[in-house]
Protein backbone atom coordinates (compact mmCIF):
# COMPACT_ATOMS: atom_id res chain seq x y z
CA UNK A 1 -35.38 -3.09 -38.68
CA UNK A 2 -36.21 -2.83 -35.39
CA UNK A 3 -36.39 -6.46 -33.58
CA UNK A 4 -39.92 -6.07 -32.03
CA UNK A 5 -41.82 -6.03 -35.30
CA UNK A 6 -39.63 -8.07 -37.28
CA UNK A 7 -40.60 -11.82 -38.37
CA UNK A 8 -37.19 -12.80 -38.14
CA UNK A 9 -37.04 -12.44 -34.37
CA UNK A 10 -38.51 -13.56 -31.34
CA UNK A 11 -38.47 -13.07 -27.63
CA UNK A 12 -37.26 -15.86 -25.43
CA UNK A 13 -36.59 -16.66 -21.60
CA UNK A 14 -33.91 -18.68 -21.19
CA UNK A 15 -33.10 -20.36 -17.82
CA UNK A 16 -29.52 -20.29 -17.20
CA UNK A 17 -27.43 -21.69 -14.12
CA UNK A 18 -31.28 -21.36 -12.39
CA UNK A 19 -32.09 -17.76 -13.35
CA UNK A 20 -34.49 -16.44 -15.90
CA UNK A 21 -32.98 -14.02 -18.80
CA UNK A 22 -35.53 -12.76 -21.30
CA UNK A 23 -34.18 -11.64 -24.66
CA UNK A 24 -35.26 -10.94 -28.02
CA UNK A 25 -33.45 -12.44 -30.54
CA UNK A 26 -32.82 -13.38 -34.18
CA UNK A 27 -34.06 -16.92 -34.69
CA UNK A 28 -30.33 -17.70 -36.22
CA UNK A 29 -29.09 -16.76 -32.85
CA UNK A 30 -26.70 -19.49 -31.51
CA UNK A 31 -27.06 -20.06 -27.84
CA UNK A 32 -23.39 -19.54 -28.00
CA UNK A 33 -23.92 -16.29 -29.01
CA UNK A 34 -26.58 -15.23 -26.70
CA UNK A 35 -24.48 -16.16 -23.85
CA UNK A 36 -21.64 -14.51 -24.56
CA UNK A 37 -22.70 -11.94 -26.71
CA UNK A 38 -26.01 -10.97 -25.21
CA UNK A 39 -25.88 -12.10 -21.44
CA UNK A 40 -22.33 -11.97 -20.88
CA UNK A 41 -21.38 -15.38 -19.83
CA UNK A 42 -18.21 -15.79 -21.18
CA UNK A 43 -17.59 -18.88 -19.77
CA UNK A 44 -18.55 -20.88 -22.57
CA UNK A 45 -15.71 -20.33 -25.28
CA UNK A 46 -15.93 -20.13 -28.91
CA UNK A 47 -13.44 -22.53 -30.51
CA UNK A 48 -14.32 -23.80 -33.70
CA UNK A 49 -18.07 -22.63 -34.25
CA UNK A 50 -18.78 -25.77 -36.00
CA UNK A 51 -19.29 -28.35 -33.24
CA UNK A 52 -15.72 -30.28 -33.57
CA UNK A 53 -13.75 -29.10 -30.50
CA UNK A 54 -16.24 -28.94 -27.58
CA UNK A 55 -14.99 -25.85 -26.07
CA UNK A 56 -18.76 -24.15 -25.99
CA UNK A 57 -20.27 -27.40 -24.08
CA UNK A 58 -22.68 -26.80 -21.92
CA UNK A 59 -25.44 -28.95 -20.13
CA UNK A 60 -29.10 -29.09 -21.75
CA UNK A 61 -31.27 -30.51 -19.05
CA UNK A 62 -28.10 -32.41 -17.89
CA UNK A 63 -27.05 -33.78 -21.23
CA UNK A 64 -23.87 -32.50 -23.37
CA UNK A 65 -24.79 -29.83 -26.18
CA UNK A 66 -22.37 -27.85 -28.25
CA UNK A 67 -23.93 -24.31 -27.97
CA UNK A 68 -22.05 -23.15 -31.29
CA UNK A 69 -24.86 -25.51 -32.92
CA UNK A 70 -28.04 -25.08 -30.94
CA UNK A 71 -30.37 -22.49 -32.02
CA UNK A 72 -31.19 -19.92 -28.64
CA UNK A 73 -34.73 -20.15 -29.53
CA UNK A 74 -34.70 -24.00 -29.23
CA UNK A 75 -33.54 -23.69 -25.88
CA UNK A 76 -36.18 -21.52 -24.27
CA UNK A 77 -37.74 -23.93 -21.75
CA UNK A 78 -35.18 -25.86 -20.97
CA UNK A 79 -32.52 -26.08 -18.03
CA UNK A 80 -29.35 -24.75 -19.46
CA UNK A 81 -26.07 -24.81 -17.26
CA UNK A 82 -22.89 -23.37 -18.05
CA UNK A 83 -19.67 -23.28 -15.99
CA UNK A 84 -20.70 -20.13 -14.33
CA UNK A 85 -23.38 -22.26 -12.88
CA UNK A 86 -21.38 -25.34 -11.80
CA UNK A 87 -19.73 -24.19 -8.05
CA UNK A 88 -22.36 -23.64 -5.10
CA UNK A 89 -21.25 -20.27 -4.07
CA UNK A 90 -17.50 -21.14 -2.95
CA UNK A 91 -18.00 -24.21 -2.97
CA UNK A 92 -16.35 -25.81 -6.72
CA UNK A 93 -18.28 -28.85 -8.32
CA UNK A 94 -16.04 -32.18 -7.97
CA UNK A 95 -15.17 -32.06 -11.37
CA UNK A 96 -13.90 -28.42 -11.27
CA UNK A 97 -11.76 -29.06 -8.05
CA UNK A 98 -10.31 -32.46 -9.41
CA UNK A 99 -9.45 -30.15 -12.78
CA UNK A 100 -7.66 -27.93 -10.45
CA UNK A 101 -6.32 -30.45 -7.81
CA UNK A 102 -4.67 -32.83 -10.99
CA UNK A 103 -3.82 -29.71 -13.50
CA UNK A 104 -6.55 -30.57 -15.69
CA UNK A 105 -5.68 -27.23 -17.82
CA UNK A 106 -2.74 -25.58 -19.55
CA UNK A 107 -4.27 -22.37 -21.32
CA UNK A 108 -7.93 -23.09 -19.78
CA UNK A 109 -9.34 -22.07 -22.60
CA UNK A 110 -11.24 -25.47 -23.54
CA UNK A 111 -11.29 -26.12 -19.92
CA UNK A 112 -15.15 -24.90 -19.18
CA UNK A 113 -16.33 -27.16 -21.90
CA UNK A 114 -14.23 -29.98 -20.60
CA UNK A 115 -15.51 -29.56 -17.11
CA UNK A 116 -19.63 -29.40 -18.52
CA UNK A 117 -18.67 -32.68 -20.39
CA UNK A 118 -17.42 -34.51 -17.87
CA UNK A 119 -20.04 -33.88 -15.37
CA UNK A 120 -22.60 -35.07 -17.99
CA UNK A 121 -20.24 -37.81 -18.84
CA UNK A 122 -19.98 -39.19 -14.89
CA UNK A 123 -24.00 -39.09 -15.29
CA UNK A 124 -23.90 -40.93 -18.69
CA UNK A 125 -21.76 -43.65 -17.08
CA UNK A 126 -23.50 -44.13 -13.73
CA UNK A 127 -26.70 -44.55 -15.51
CA UNK A 128 -25.13 -47.44 -17.50
CA UNK A 129 -25.00 -46.00 -21.32
CA UNK A 130 -22.15 -47.57 -23.26
CA UNK A 131 -19.73 -46.13 -25.46
CA UNK A 132 -17.62 -47.29 -27.97
CA UNK A 133 -14.94 -48.47 -25.66
CA UNK A 134 -17.41 -50.63 -23.70
CA UNK A 135 -17.10 -54.25 -23.89
CA UNK A 136 -20.56 -55.30 -22.66
CA UNK A 137 -23.22 -53.32 -24.14
CA UNK A 138 -25.76 -55.35 -22.72
CA UNK A 139 -28.37 -53.11 -20.48
CA UNK A 140 -28.21 -56.04 -17.27
CA UNK A 141 -24.25 -55.43 -17.53
CA UNK A 142 -24.85 -52.26 -15.82
CA UNK A 143 -22.22 -49.52 -16.18
CA UNK A 144 -18.99 -50.87 -17.38
CA UNK A 145 -15.67 -49.89 -15.28
CA UNK A 146 -14.57 -46.84 -15.47
CA UNK A 147 -11.39 -47.20 -17.20
CA UNK A 148 -8.69 -45.27 -18.98
CA UNK A 149 -10.01 -46.48 -22.36
CA UNK A 150 -13.86 -45.43 -21.30
CA UNK A 151 -12.74 -41.89 -19.84
CA UNK A 152 -10.66 -41.17 -23.00
CA UNK A 153 -13.42 -42.22 -25.18
CA UNK A 154 -16.30 -40.51 -23.30
CA UNK A 155 -14.40 -36.99 -23.77
CA UNK A 156 -13.10 -37.47 -27.14
CA UNK A 157 -15.54 -34.60 -28.36
CA UNK A 158 -13.76 -32.38 -26.28
CA UNK A 159 -10.22 -31.41 -27.61
CA UNK A 160 -7.37 -29.71 -25.59
CA UNK A 161 -4.66 -28.12 -28.08
CA UNK A 162 -2.43 -28.04 -25.12
CA UNK A 163 -2.54 -31.61 -24.81
CA UNK A 164 -3.50 -31.61 -21.30
CA UNK A 165 -5.34 -35.15 -21.80
CA UNK A 166 -3.49 -37.34 -19.06
CA UNK A 167 -4.54 -35.09 -16.38
CA UNK A 168 -8.12 -34.09 -17.74
CA UNK A 169 -8.30 -37.98 -17.72
CA UNK A 170 -7.04 -38.66 -14.16
CA UNK A 171 -9.38 -35.48 -12.96
CA UNK A 172 -12.45 -37.11 -14.42
CA UNK A 173 -11.75 -40.53 -12.90
CA UNK A 174 -11.12 -38.82 -9.65
CA UNK A 175 -14.28 -36.94 -9.76
CA UNK A 176 -16.11 -39.62 -10.78
CA UNK A 177 -15.41 -41.28 -7.57
CA UNK A 178 -15.91 -38.42 -5.70
CA UNK A 179 -19.77 -38.12 -7.27
CA UNK A 180 -20.80 -41.63 -8.10
CA UNK A 181 -18.55 -43.55 -5.52
CA UNK A 182 -21.55 -46.23 -5.12
CA UNK A 183 -21.57 -46.54 -9.47
CA UNK A 184 -18.05 -47.13 -9.99
CA UNK A 185 -15.31 -48.18 -7.47
CA UNK A 186 -12.89 -49.09 -10.60
CA UNK A 187 -12.77 -45.02 -11.17
CA UNK A 188 -10.43 -44.39 -7.61
CA UNK A 189 -8.60 -47.77 -8.92
CA UNK A 190 -8.05 -46.27 -12.29
CA UNK A 191 -7.29 -42.28 -11.72
CA UNK A 192 -3.62 -43.04 -11.22
CA UNK A 193 -3.24 -45.28 -14.39
CA UNK A 194 -4.55 -42.89 -16.86
CA UNK A 195 -1.01 -41.49 -18.39
């Protein structure tokens, strides 16, 4: 069947890492499959394909999303950032650099999703969003200290089968202190205590 004449296909334009990509996709195509299979952006990994492991985490309008549960047609008009769009030229994003410096990976399969999640998590924390580990959830309390418990809870949607969690948490703490030094001085104090 010709996709151009089928009622189950639609032409869409996805804004990925600042570039527009025009595609015709089946309405059931996930964002993950569009990225990997149609656009050759294979940094976003397919893990469980059920939204449980976080390997396919990307940013949609700056917020975390698991691409395996997001339909490509529903992502039209949104800013999509994948791991390929994190660095600025040869300059790594502070989260990428912290993962590299502190060995926040082993096999590396989950790393793109971990990094995308960490970038959004740092912004969520700086905005004062509480987590299940936050003691004082009142808005006037502001961002909670970025303790090891906070980091672990906020990153809990991203699984690492190799078990590099201690290094991941240290990398997130270091990156948070680099990206948002004014928002949370406790990140720098806690980065070595995350083990």
